[in-house]
Amino acid sequence: MAESARDASYRLLLYRDAVVAGHLRDDPECTQARRAFREARQKLMTAMRSSLATR
């Protein structure tokens, strides 16, 4: 789960960097960064739910 959390955090930073660089929501750079973050966040949420379900 820690690896998923690190990956989601890193992907969020990349998304933030794309926005700070001036890329708009529909720009390919921003779209790719946003999608990568959402995927990483979903993996983290799945890992967290799985961890809670085993208790």
Protein backbone atom coordinates (compact mmCIF):
# COMPACT_ATOMS: atom_id res chain seq x y z
CA MET A 1 0.00 0.00 0.00
CA ALA A 2 2.90 2.36 0.74
CA GLU A 3 4.15 2.03 -2.82
CA SER A 4 0.68 2.88 -4.15
CA ALA A 5 0.56 5.93 -1.88
CA ARG A 6 3.97 7.11 -3.09
CA ASP A 7 2.95 6.61 -6.71
CA ALA A 8 -0.31 8.52 -6.26
CA SER A 9 1.54 11.37 -4.55
CA TYR A 10 4.12 11.48 -7.32
CA ARG A 11 1.44 11.47 -10.03
CA LEU A 12 -0.37 14.29 -8.24
CA LEU A 13 2.86 16.33 -8.29
CA LEU A 14 3.23 15.71 -12.02
CA TYR A 15 -0.36 16.84 -12.57
CA ARG A 16 0.26 19.95 -10.49
CA ASP A 17 3.42 20.67 -12.49
CA ALA A 18 1.48 20.44 -15.75
CA VAL A 19 -1.10 22.93 -14.46
CA VAL A 20 1.57 25.28 -13.07
CA ALA A 21 3.34 25.16 -16.45
CA GLY A 22 0.20 26.66 -17.94
CA HIS A 23 -1.33 23.63 -19.57
CA LEU A 24 -5.09 23.87 -19.77
CA ARG A 25 -7.45 21.04 -18.89
CA ASP A 26 -7.84 19.89 -22.50
CA ASP A 27 -4.13 20.05 -23.36
CA PRO A 28 -2.62 16.59 -23.95
CA GLU A 29 0.02 17.10 -21.26
CA CYS A 30 -2.57 17.98 -18.65
CA THR A 31 -4.96 15.25 -19.74
CA GLN A 32 -2.26 12.58 -19.54
CA ALA A 33 -1.05 13.76 -16.12
CA ARG A 34 -4.61 13.89 -14.78
CA ARG A 35 -5.44 10.41 -16.05
CA ALA A 36 -2.22 8.97 -14.63
CA PHE A 37 -3.03 10.51 -11.25
CA ARG A 38 -6.57 9.18 -11.30
CA GLU A 39 -5.35 5.67 -12.13
CA ALA A 40 -2.77 5.79 -9.33
CA ARG A 41 -5.38 7.13 -6.91
CA GLN A 42 -7.79 4.34 -7.86
CA LYS A 43 -5.10 1.71 -7.27
CA LEU A 44 -4.39 3.24 -3.86
CA MET A 45 -8.08 3.27 -2.93
CA THR A 46 -8.42 -0.36 -4.00
CA ALA A 47 -5.39 -1.33 -1.90
CA MET A 48 -6.76 0.55 1.10
CA ARG A 49 -10.18 -1.10 0.79
CA SER A 50 -8.57 -4.50 0.45
CA SER A 51 -6.49 -3.88 3.54
CA LEU A 52 -9.56 -2.91 5.54
CA ALA A 53 -11.57 -5.89 4.28
CA THR A 54 -9.03 -8.38 5.60
CA ARG A 55 -9.40 -7.19 9.17
